[in-house]
Amino acid sequence: IQANLANQSQNGNPYDRFSDRIMFPIIDLQRRVLGFGGRIMSNNKPKYLNTSETPVFNKSENLYALQFAKNKANGQLILVEGYMDVIALHQAGFENAVATLGTALTQEQALIIKRYCEEVVICYDADEAGQRATARAIGILRPLGINIKILTVPNGKDPDEFMKSHGEQGPARFRMLLNNSG
């Protein structure tokens, strides 16, 4: 209950706050589970729900999948919004993808990124919120001297949707977009 994985009903009984959600562990660089993100698959509740901040988990100071991506970065990280985007890209061979645990990149996350790469490819969703977040991320990353590229997935899709819609051709098509990003 303190970590807000469960809540208490009015009659004092605990209930699962993440019911009917796919759960994603948020893991630090020492491979310790700090918190969880949950994604609902229906449209009747908030799409994403994260563990509340605790003494060991602060969402603004973590990047999803950095513990894997840091060793594959090769000087470049692909920055996306969501857990599913990271998983889709990792499965397609783009293991240098990380997510910001929401749309807003924080100063703390930018400093972490700077430790592991010289270049960031921002691949946020093509919707209005994603475009605002891209502009904000540029404003945070540029003063740190990080080279920035922007990759906009066509047709308003996010990386996960793009990979699903292109099947076996998804990785090659994404590689073309990545090579042409600027």
N, C-alpha and C. Protein backbone atom coordinates (compact mmCIF):
# COMPACT_ATOMS: atom_id res chain seq x y z
N ILE A 1 0.83 -1.19 0.00
CA ILE A 1 0.00 0.00 0.00
C ILE A 1 0.88 1.25 0.00
N GLN A 2 2.01 1.24 0.72
CA GLN A 2 2.89 2.40 0.73
C GLN A 2 3.45 2.70 -0.65
N ALA A 3 3.73 1.67 -1.43
CA ALA A 3 4.25 1.85 -2.79
C ALA A 3 3.12 2.10 -3.78
N ASN A 4 1.89 2.07 -3.29
CA ASN A 4 0.70 2.33 -4.09
C ASN A 4 0.49 1.28 -5.18
N LEU A 5 0.93 0.04 -4.93
CA LEU A 5 0.61 -1.07 -5.83
C LEU A 5 -0.80 -1.55 -5.55
N ALA A 6 -1.22 -1.37 -4.31
CA ALA A 6 -2.59 -1.70 -3.91
C ALA A 6 -3.16 -0.48 -3.19
N ASN A 7 -4.45 -0.36 -3.23
CA ASN A 7 -5.14 0.70 -2.50
C ASN A 7 -6.06 0.04 -1.48
N GLN A 8 -6.58 0.85 -0.57
CA GLN A 8 -7.52 0.34 0.42
C GLN A 8 -8.91 0.86 0.10
N SER A 9 -9.87 -0.06 0.11
CA SER A 9 -11.25 0.35 -0.12
C SER A 9 -11.78 1.05 1.13
N GLN A 10 -12.99 1.60 1.04
CA GLN A 10 -13.57 2.31 2.18
C GLN A 10 -13.78 1.40 3.38
N ASN A 11 -13.97 0.10 3.12
CA ASN A 11 -14.14 -0.82 4.25
C ASN A 11 -12.82 -1.42 4.72
N GLY A 12 -11.69 -0.90 4.20
CA GLY A 12 -10.38 -1.30 4.68
C GLY A 12 -9.74 -2.47 3.96
N ASN A 13 -10.40 -3.03 2.98
CA ASN A 13 -9.84 -4.16 2.23
C ASN A 13 -8.93 -3.67 1.12
N PRO A 14 -7.78 -4.33 0.95
CA PRO A 14 -6.89 -3.93 -0.15
C PRO A 14 -7.45 -4.38 -1.50
N TYR A 15 -7.16 -3.59 -2.53
CA TYR A 15 -7.52 -4.00 -3.89
C TYR A 15 -6.38 -3.62 -4.83
N ASP A 16 -6.27 -4.37 -5.90
CA ASP A 16 -5.19 -4.22 -6.87
C ASP A 16 -5.40 -2.96 -7.71
N ARG A 17 -4.53 -2.01 -7.56
CA ARG A 17 -4.60 -0.75 -8.30
C ARG A 17 -4.31 -0.95 -9.78
N PHE A 18 -3.58 -2.01 -10.11
CA PHE A 18 -3.16 -2.28 -11.49
C PHE A 18 -3.98 -3.39 -12.14
N SER A 19 -5.16 -3.65 -11.64
CA SER A 19 -6.01 -4.71 -12.18
C SER A 19 -6.24 -4.52 -13.68
N ASP A 20 -6.19 -5.62 -14.42
CA ASP A 20 -6.44 -5.64 -15.87
C ASP A 20 -5.39 -4.86 -16.67
N ARG A 21 -4.19 -4.79 -16.15
CA ARG A 21 -3.12 -4.09 -16.86
C ARG A 21 -1.94 -5.03 -17.10
N ILE A 22 -1.25 -4.79 -18.21
CA ILE A 22 0.02 -5.46 -18.46
C ILE A 22 1.04 -4.71 -17.63
N MET A 23 1.85 -5.44 -16.88
CA MET A 23 2.80 -4.81 -15.97
C MET A 23 4.22 -4.83 -16.54
N PHE A 24 4.89 -3.70 -16.39
CA PHE A 24 6.27 -3.53 -16.85
C PHE A 24 7.13 -3.16 -15.64
N PRO A 25 8.11 -3.99 -15.29
CA PRO A 25 8.98 -3.61 -14.18
C PRO A 25 9.92 -2.49 -14.60
N ILE A 26 10.11 -1.54 -13.73
CA ILE A 26 11.06 -0.45 -13.97
C ILE A 26 12.30 -0.80 -13.16
N ILE A 27 13.40 -1.02 -13.88
CA ILE A 27 14.61 -1.60 -13.31
C ILE A 27 15.75 -0.59 -13.40
N ASP A 28 16.54 -0.49 -12.34
CA ASP A 28 17.66 0.45 -12.37
C ASP A 28 18.90 -0.21 -12.97
N LEU A 29 19.99 0.53 -13.01
CA LEU A 29 21.22 0.03 -13.63
C LEU A 29 21.85 -1.14 -12.88
N GLN A 30 21.49 -1.30 -11.62
CA GLN A 30 21.97 -2.45 -10.85
C GLN A 30 20.99 -3.63 -10.96
N ARG A 31 20.01 -3.47 -11.85
CA ARG A 31 18.99 -4.50 -12.14
C ARG A 31 18.08 -4.79 -10.95
N ARG A 32 17.81 -3.75 -10.16
CA ARG A 32 16.85 -3.85 -9.07
C ARG A 32 15.52 -3.28 -9.54
N VAL A 33 14.43 -3.94 -9.19
CA VAL A 33 13.10 -3.44 -9.53
C VAL A 33 12.77 -2.28 -8.59
N LEU A 34 12.52 -1.12 -9.19
CA LEU A 34 12.22 0.08 -8.42
C LEU A 34 10.73 0.38 -8.35
N GLY A 35 10.02 0.00 -9.40
CA GLY A 35 8.61 0.30 -9.50
C GLY A 35 8.02 -0.42 -10.69
N PHE A 36 6.78 -0.06 -11.02
CA PHE A 36 6.09 -0.71 -12.12
C PHE A 36 5.30 0.32 -12.93
N GLY A 37 5.14 0.01 -14.19
CA GLY A 37 4.22 0.73 -15.04
C GLY A 37 3.19 -0.27 -15.50
N GLY A 38 1.95 0.15 -15.57
CA GLY A 38 0.89 -0.73 -16.04
C GLY A 38 0.16 -0.10 -17.20
N ARG A 39 -0.14 -0.92 -18.23
CA ARG A 39 -0.86 -0.42 -19.40
C ARG A 39 -2.16 -1.19 -19.54
N ILE A 40 -3.25 -0.46 -19.60
CA ILE A 40 -4.57 -1.08 -19.79
C ILE A 40 -4.75 -1.33 -21.29
N MET A 41 -5.39 -2.40 -21.63
CA MET A 41 -5.57 -2.73 -23.04
C MET A 41 -6.94 -2.28 -23.56
N SER A 42 -7.83 -1.87 -22.66
CA SER A 42 -9.13 -1.33 -23.09
C SER A 42 -9.07 0.19 -23.05
N ASN A 43 -10.15 0.83 -23.40
CA ASN A 43 -10.16 2.30 -23.45
C ASN A 43 -10.96 2.95 -22.33
N ASN A 44 -11.33 2.18 -21.30
CA ASN A 44 -12.23 2.75 -20.31
C ASN A 44 -11.54 3.29 -19.05
N LYS A 45 -10.22 3.24 -19.00
CA LYS A 45 -9.47 3.76 -17.86
C LYS A 45 -8.23 4.47 -18.39
N PRO A 46 -7.50 5.18 -17.51
CA PRO A 46 -6.25 5.79 -17.99
C PRO A 46 -5.34 4.73 -18.61
N LYS A 47 -4.75 5.07 -19.76
CA LYS A 47 -3.95 4.11 -20.54
C LYS A 47 -2.76 3.59 -19.73
N TYR A 48 -2.01 4.50 -19.10
CA TYR A 48 -0.83 4.11 -18.32
C TYR A 48 -1.01 4.52 -16.88
N LEU A 49 -0.48 3.69 -16.01
CA LEU A 49 -0.49 3.95 -14.58
C LEU A 49 0.86 3.52 -14.05
N ASN A 50 1.54 4.40 -13.34
CA ASN A 50 2.86 4.09 -12.78
C ASN A 50 2.77 3.97 -11.27
N THR A 51 3.73 3.23 -10.73
CA THR A 51 3.90 3.19 -9.28
C THR A 51 4.09 4.63 -8.80
N SER A 52 3.52 4.93 -7.66
CA SER A 52 3.74 6.26 -7.08
C SER A 52 5.20 6.41 -6.69
N GLU A 53 5.63 7.63 -6.56
CA GLU A 53 7.02 7.87 -6.15
C GLU A 53 7.21 7.39 -4.72
N THR A 54 8.35 6.76 -4.50
CA THR A 54 8.70 6.20 -3.20
C THR A 54 10.13 6.62 -2.88
N PRO A 55 10.65 6.27 -1.71
CA PRO A 55 12.05 6.59 -1.44
C PRO A 55 13.02 5.95 -2.43
N VAL A 56 12.64 4.84 -3.09
CA VAL A 56 13.54 4.19 -4.05
C VAL A 56 13.16 4.44 -5.51
N PHE A 57 11.98 5.00 -5.76
CA PHE A 57 11.55 5.20 -7.15
C PHE A 57 11.11 6.64 -7.38
N ASN A 58 11.81 7.28 -8.31
CA ASN A 58 11.43 8.61 -8.77
C ASN A 58 11.41 8.55 -10.29
N LYS A 59 10.22 8.63 -10.86
CA LYS A 59 10.04 8.47 -12.30
C LYS A 59 10.89 9.44 -13.10
N SER A 60 11.10 10.63 -12.60
CA SER A 60 11.86 11.64 -13.35
C SER A 60 13.35 11.35 -13.39
N GLU A 61 13.81 10.37 -12.61
CA GLU A 61 15.24 10.04 -12.55
C GLU A 61 15.56 8.69 -13.18
N ASN A 62 14.62 8.12 -13.93
CA ASN A 62 14.82 6.81 -14.53
C ASN A 62 14.41 6.81 -15.99
N LEU A 63 15.01 5.92 -16.74
CA LEU A 63 14.65 5.70 -18.14
C LEU A 63 14.36 4.21 -18.30
N TYR A 64 13.22 3.90 -18.89
CA TYR A 64 12.84 2.51 -19.05
C TYR A 64 13.79 1.81 -20.03
N ALA A 65 14.34 0.68 -19.59
CA ALA A 65 15.22 -0.20 -20.38
C ALA A 65 16.65 0.32 -20.52
N LEU A 66 17.03 1.34 -19.76
CA LEU A 66 18.41 1.83 -19.84
C LEU A 66 19.41 0.74 -19.45
N GLN A 67 19.02 -0.14 -18.53
CA GLN A 67 19.94 -1.20 -18.10
C GLN A 67 20.33 -2.11 -19.26
N PHE A 68 19.50 -2.20 -20.30
CA PHE A 68 19.84 -2.97 -21.50
C PHE A 68 20.46 -2.08 -22.57
N ALA A 69 19.87 -0.92 -22.79
CA ALA A 69 20.26 -0.05 -23.90
C ALA A 69 21.66 0.54 -23.72
N LYS A 70 22.08 0.78 -22.50
CA LYS A 70 23.37 1.44 -22.28
C LYS A 70 24.53 0.66 -22.89
N ASN A 71 24.43 -0.65 -22.92
CA ASN A 71 25.49 -1.48 -23.49
C ASN A 71 25.39 -1.61 -25.01
N LYS A 72 24.27 -1.20 -25.57
CA LYS A 72 24.05 -1.28 -27.01
C LYS A 72 24.04 0.09 -27.66
N ALA A 73 24.23 1.13 -26.87
CA ALA A 73 24.05 2.50 -27.35
C ALA A 73 24.99 2.87 -28.48
N ASN A 74 26.24 2.45 -28.40
CA ASN A 74 27.20 2.78 -29.46
C ASN A 74 27.19 4.27 -29.78
N GLY A 75 27.05 5.09 -28.73
CA GLY A 75 27.05 6.54 -28.91
C GLY A 75 25.70 7.15 -29.21
N GLN A 76 24.65 6.30 -29.36
CA GLN A 76 23.33 6.83 -29.73
C GLN A 76 22.23 6.10 -28.97
N LEU A 77 21.28 6.86 -28.44
CA LEU A 77 20.07 6.29 -27.84
C LEU A 77 18.86 6.75 -28.64
N ILE A 78 17.87 5.88 -28.76
CA ILE A 78 16.59 6.23 -29.37
C ILE A 78 15.63 6.46 -28.21
N LEU A 79 15.07 7.65 -28.14
CA LEU A 79 14.20 8.05 -27.05
C LEU A 79 12.74 7.98 -27.50
N VAL A 80 11.95 7.13 -26.84
CA VAL A 80 10.53 6.96 -27.18
C VAL A 80 9.69 7.22 -25.94
N GLU A 81 8.36 7.21 -26.13
CA GLU A 81 7.46 7.52 -25.02
C GLU A 81 7.15 6.32 -24.14
N GLY A 82 6.82 5.19 -24.75
CA GLY A 82 6.21 4.13 -23.97
C GLY A 82 6.96 2.82 -23.90
N TYR A 83 6.53 2.02 -22.94
CA TYR A 83 7.10 0.69 -22.73
C TYR A 83 6.97 -0.18 -23.98
N MET A 84 5.78 -0.17 -24.58
CA MET A 84 5.53 -1.01 -25.75
C MET A 84 6.42 -0.59 -26.92
N ASP A 85 6.69 0.70 -27.04
CA ASP A 85 7.59 1.19 -28.10
C ASP A 85 9.00 0.62 -27.89
N VAL A 86 9.49 0.67 -26.66
CA VAL A 86 10.82 0.13 -26.35
C VAL A 86 10.87 -1.36 -26.67
N ILE A 87 9.88 -2.09 -26.22
CA ILE A 87 9.88 -3.54 -26.43
C ILE A 87 9.85 -3.86 -27.92
N ALA A 88 9.00 -3.17 -28.68
CA ALA A 88 8.92 -3.41 -30.13
C ALA A 88 10.26 -3.12 -30.80
N LEU A 89 10.90 -2.03 -30.42
CA LEU A 89 12.19 -1.69 -31.02
C LEU A 89 13.28 -2.67 -30.62
N HIS A 90 13.32 -3.07 -29.37
CA HIS A 90 14.31 -4.06 -28.94
C HIS A 90 14.12 -5.37 -29.69
N GLN A 91 12.87 -5.81 -29.84
CA GLN A 91 12.60 -7.05 -30.57
C GLN A 91 13.02 -6.95 -32.03
N ALA A 92 12.96 -5.75 -32.58
CA ALA A 92 13.34 -5.53 -33.98
C ALA A 92 14.84 -5.29 -34.15
N GLY A 93 15.59 -5.35 -33.05
CA GLY A 93 17.04 -5.20 -33.13
C GLY A 93 17.56 -3.83 -32.77
N PHE A 94 16.69 -2.91 -32.40
CA PHE A 94 17.10 -1.56 -32.00
C PHE A 94 17.18 -1.53 -30.48
N GLU A 95 18.21 -2.16 -29.95
CA GLU A 95 18.33 -2.37 -28.51
C GLU A 95 18.85 -1.15 -27.77
N ASN A 96 19.04 -0.05 -28.49
CA ASN A 96 19.48 1.20 -27.88
C ASN A 96 18.30 2.13 -27.59
N ALA A 97 17.08 1.58 -27.56
CA ALA A 97 15.88 2.39 -27.29
C ALA A 97 15.59 2.43 -25.80
N VAL A 98 15.19 3.61 -25.33
CA VAL A 98 14.77 3.82 -23.95
C VAL A 98 13.51 4.68 -23.96
N ALA A 99 12.75 4.63 -22.87
CA ALA A 99 11.54 5.45 -22.76
C ALA A 99 11.63 6.34 -21.53
N THR A 100 10.96 7.48 -21.63
CA THR A 100 11.00 8.48 -20.57
C THR A 100 9.94 8.29 -19.49
N LEU A 101 9.23 7.17 -19.50
CA LEU A 101 8.19 6.91 -18.50
C LEU A 101 7.11 7.99 -18.53
N GLY A 102 6.74 8.39 -19.71
CA GLY A 102 5.78 9.46 -19.94
C GLY A 102 6.33 10.33 -21.04
N THR A 103 5.61 11.35 -21.42
CA THR A 103 6.06 12.15 -22.56
C THR A 103 7.14 13.15 -22.22
N ALA A 104 7.22 13.59 -20.98
CA ALA A 104 8.11 14.69 -20.65
C ALA A 104 9.50 14.22 -20.22
N LEU A 105 10.51 14.58 -21.00
CA LEU A 105 11.90 14.34 -20.61
C LEU A 105 12.24 15.33 -19.49
N THR A 106 12.91 14.83 -18.47
CA THR A 106 13.31 15.71 -17.36
C THR A 106 14.80 16.04 -17.46
N GLN A 107 15.20 17.06 -16.74
CA GLN A 107 16.62 17.43 -16.68
C GLN A 107 17.45 16.27 -16.14
N GLU A 108 16.93 15.58 -15.13
CA GLU A 108 17.64 14.44 -14.54
C GLU A 108 17.84 13.34 -15.57
N GLN A 109 16.81 13.04 -16.36
CA GLN A 109 16.92 12.01 -17.40
C GLN A 109 17.92 12.43 -18.46
N ALA A 110 17.93 13.71 -18.81
CA ALA A 110 18.87 14.20 -19.82
C ALA A 110 20.31 14.03 -19.35
N LEU A 111 20.56 14.28 -18.08
CA LEU A 111 21.92 14.10 -17.54
C LEU A 111 22.32 12.63 -17.56
N ILE A 112 21.37 11.74 -17.32
CA ILE A 112 21.65 10.30 -17.42
C ILE A 112 21.99 9.94 -18.86
N ILE A 113 21.20 10.45 -19.80
CA ILE A 113 21.44 10.18 -21.23
C ILE A 113 22.84 10.63 -21.61
N LYS A 114 23.24 11.81 -21.15
CA LYS A 114 24.56 12.35 -21.51
C LYS A 114 25.69 11.42 -21.08
N ARG A 115 25.50 10.67 -20.00
CA ARG A 115 26.53 9.73 -19.54
C ARG A 115 26.75 8.59 -20.53
N TYR A 116 25.74 8.27 -21.33
CA TYR A 116 25.81 7.06 -22.16
C TYR A 116 25.86 7.29 -23.66
N CYS A 117 25.68 8.52 -24.10
CA CYS A 117 25.72 8.73 -25.55
C CYS A 117 26.01 10.18 -25.89
N GLU A 118 26.40 10.37 -27.15
CA GLU A 118 26.62 11.71 -27.68
C GLU A 118 25.45 12.15 -28.55
N GLU A 119 24.60 11.19 -28.93
CA GLU A 119 23.50 11.50 -29.86
C GLU A 119 22.21 10.84 -29.40
N VAL A 120 21.12 11.58 -29.49
CA VAL A 120 19.79 11.08 -29.17
C VAL A 120 18.90 11.24 -30.39
N VAL A 121 18.20 10.17 -30.72
CA VAL A 121 17.17 10.23 -31.75
C VAL A 121 15.84 10.27 -31.02
N ILE A 122 15.16 11.40 -31.08
CA ILE A 122 13.86 11.52 -30.41
C ILE A 122 12.81 10.98 -31.36
N CYS A 123 12.10 9.97 -30.88
CA CYS A 123 11.07 9.31 -31.69
C CYS A 123 9.78 9.23 -30.87
N TYR A 124 9.32 10.40 -30.46
CA TYR A 124 8.07 10.45 -29.71
C TYR A 124 6.90 10.28 -30.67
N ASP A 125 5.73 10.05 -30.10
CA ASP A 125 4.53 9.87 -30.91
C ASP A 125 4.30 11.10 -31.78
N ALA A 126 3.64 10.89 -32.90
CA ALA A 126 3.42 11.98 -33.86
C ALA A 126 2.21 12.85 -33.49
N ASP A 127 1.54 12.56 -32.38
CA ASP A 127 0.40 13.37 -31.98
C ASP A 127 0.86 14.71 -31.41
N GLU A 128 -0.10 15.56 -31.08
CA GLU A 128 0.22 16.90 -30.59
C GLU A 128 1.05 16.86 -29.31
N ALA A 129 0.68 15.99 -28.37
CA ALA A 129 1.42 15.88 -27.11
C ALA A 129 2.86 15.42 -27.38
N GLY A 130 3.03 14.49 -28.30
CA GLY A 130 4.37 14.01 -28.64
C GLY A 130 5.21 15.10 -29.28
N GLN A 131 4.61 15.91 -30.11
CA GLN A 131 5.34 17.00 -30.76
C GLN A 131 5.74 18.08 -29.76
N ARG A 132 4.85 18.37 -28.81
CA ARG A 132 5.20 19.33 -27.74
C ARG A 132 6.35 18.78 -26.90
N ALA A 133 6.27 17.48 -26.59
CA ALA A 133 7.32 16.84 -25.79
C ALA A 133 8.65 16.83 -26.54
N THR A 134 8.60 16.66 -27.86
CA THR A 134 9.82 16.70 -28.67
C THR A 134 10.48 18.07 -28.56
N ALA A 135 9.69 19.12 -28.72
CA ALA A 135 10.23 20.48 -28.63
C ALA A 135 10.84 20.73 -27.24
N ARG A 136 10.16 20.26 -26.21
CA ARG A 136 10.66 20.43 -24.84
C ARG A 136 11.97 19.66 -24.65
N ALA A 137 12.03 18.43 -25.16
CA ALA A 137 13.24 17.59 -25.03
C ALA A 137 14.43 18.24 -25.73
N ILE A 138 14.18 18.83 -26.89
CA ILE A 138 15.26 19.52 -27.60
C ILE A 138 15.83 20.64 -26.73
N GLY A 139 14.93 21.39 -26.09
CA GLY A 139 15.35 22.48 -25.22
C GLY A 139 16.15 22.02 -24.01
N ILE A 140 15.93 20.80 -23.57
CA ILE A 140 16.68 20.26 -22.43
C ILE A 140 18.00 19.64 -22.87
N LEU A 141 17.99 18.93 -24.00
CA LEU A 141 19.19 18.20 -24.45
C LEU A 141 20.23 19.10 -25.11
N ARG A 142 19.79 20.08 -25.89
CA ARG A 142 20.73 20.91 -26.65
C ARG A 142 21.76 21.61 -25.77
N PRO A 143 21.38 22.24 -24.64
CA PRO A 143 22.39 22.89 -23.81
C PRO A 143 23.43 21.93 -23.22
N LEU A 144 23.13 20.63 -23.22
CA LEU A 144 24.08 19.64 -22.70
C LEU A 144 25.08 19.20 -23.77
N GLY A 145 24.93 19.73 -24.98
CA GLY A 145 25.86 19.39 -26.06
C GLY A 145 25.59 18.05 -26.71
N ILE A 146 24.41 17.53 -26.51
CA ILE A 146 24.03 16.24 -27.12
C ILE A 146 23.52 16.51 -28.53
N ASN A 147 24.03 15.75 -29.50
CA ASN A 147 23.54 15.85 -30.87
C ASN A 147 22.12 15.27 -30.90
N ILE A 148 21.21 15.96 -31.56
CA ILE A 148 19.80 15.57 -31.56
C ILE A 148 19.34 15.31 -32.98
N LYS A 149 18.67 14.19 -33.16
CA LYS A 149 17.98 13.89 -34.41
C LYS A 149 16.51 13.64 -34.07
N ILE A 150 15.65 13.93 -35.03
CA ILE A 150 14.22 13.71 -34.84
C ILE A 150 13.76 12.67 -35.85
N LEU A 151 13.09 11.64 -35.36
CA LEU A 151 12.51 10.62 -36.23
C LEU A 151 11.01 10.64 -36.00
N THR A 152 10.27 11.03 -37.03
CA THR A 152 8.82 11.03 -36.94
C THR A 152 8.30 9.82 -37.71
N VAL A 153 7.63 8.94 -37.00
CA VAL A 153 7.07 7.75 -37.63
C VAL A 153 5.88 8.19 -38.49
N PRO A 154 5.82 7.73 -39.75
CA PRO A 154 4.75 8.17 -40.66
C PRO A 154 3.35 7.76 -40.20
N ASN A 155 2.39 8.48 -40.74
CA ASN A 155 0.96 8.19 -40.54
C ASN A 155 0.52 8.27 -39.09
N GLY A 156 1.19 9.08 -38.30
CA GLY A 156 0.79 9.29 -36.92
C GLY A 156 0.97 8.09 -36.01
N LYS A 157 1.74 7.14 -36.43
CA LYS A 157 1.94 5.93 -35.63
C LYS A 157 3.06 6.13 -34.62
N ASP A 158 3.05 5.29 -33.59
CA ASP A 158 4.19 5.25 -32.69
C ASP A 158 5.06 4.07 -33.12
N PRO A 159 6.27 3.92 -32.58
CA PRO A 159 7.16 2.84 -33.04
C PRO A 159 6.55 1.44 -32.93
N ASP A 160 5.80 1.18 -31.87
CA ASP A 160 5.16 -0.13 -31.72
C ASP A 160 4.15 -0.38 -32.84
N GLU A 161 3.28 0.59 -33.09
CA GLU A 161 2.30 0.45 -34.18
C GLU A 161 2.99 0.31 -35.53
N PHE A 162 4.06 1.05 -35.73
CA PHE A 162 4.81 0.99 -36.99
C PHE A 162 5.34 -0.43 -37.22
N MET A 163 5.97 -1.00 -36.21
CA MET A 163 6.52 -2.35 -36.35
C MET A 163 5.42 -3.36 -36.62
N LYS A 164 4.32 -3.25 -35.91
CA LYS A 164 3.20 -4.19 -36.11
C LYS A 164 2.63 -4.06 -37.52
N SER A 165 2.47 -2.84 -37.99
CA SER A 165 1.83 -2.64 -39.30
C SER A 165 2.71 -3.05 -40.47
N HIS A 166 4.03 -3.10 -40.26
CA HIS A 166 4.94 -3.46 -41.35
C HIS A 166 5.49 -4.87 -41.26
N GLY A 167 5.11 -5.61 -40.24
CA GLY A 167 5.50 -7.01 -40.14
C GLY A 167 6.99 -7.23 -40.30
N GLU A 168 7.35 -8.18 -41.16
CA GLU A 168 8.76 -8.52 -41.36
C GLU A 168 9.57 -7.37 -41.93
N GLN A 169 8.91 -6.45 -42.63
CA GLN A 169 9.61 -5.31 -43.22
C GLN A 169 9.83 -4.17 -42.22
N GLY A 170 9.20 -4.28 -41.04
CA GLY A 170 9.29 -3.21 -40.04
C GLY A 170 10.71 -2.80 -39.68
N PRO A 171 11.58 -3.75 -39.31
CA PRO A 171 12.94 -3.34 -38.93
C PRO A 171 13.69 -2.62 -40.06
N ALA A 172 13.59 -3.12 -41.29
CA ALA A 172 14.30 -2.48 -42.41
C ALA A 172 13.73 -1.09 -42.68
N ARG A 173 12.42 -0.96 -42.60
CA ARG A 173 11.80 0.35 -42.84
C ARG A 173 12.15 1.34 -41.72
N PHE A 174 12.18 0.84 -40.49
CA PHE A 174 12.56 1.72 -39.38
C PHE A 174 14.01 2.13 -39.52
N ARG A 175 14.88 1.21 -39.94
CA ARG A 175 16.30 1.53 -40.15
C ARG A 175 16.43 2.65 -41.19
N MET A 176 15.62 2.60 -42.26
CA MET A 176 15.65 3.68 -43.27
C MET A 176 15.25 5.01 -42.65
N LEU A 177 14.18 4.99 -41.85
CA LEU A 177 13.75 6.22 -41.17
C LEU A 177 14.85 6.74 -40.24
N LEU A 178 15.48 5.82 -39.53
CA LEU A 178 16.55 6.19 -38.60
C LEU A 178 17.74 6.80 -39.35
N ASN A 179 18.12 6.18 -40.45
CA ASN A 179 19.24 6.69 -41.25
C ASN A 179 18.94 8.05 -41.87
N ASN A 180 17.66 8.32 -42.13
CA ASN A 180 17.27 9.59 -42.75
C ASN A 180 16.82 10.64 -41.73
N SER A 181 16.88 10.30 -40.44
CA SER A 181 16.44 11.27 -39.43
C SER A 181 17.44 12.42 -39.37
N GLY A 182 16.94 13.55 -38.97
CA GLY A 182 17.83 14.71 -38.93
C GLY A 182 17.41 15.69 -37.89
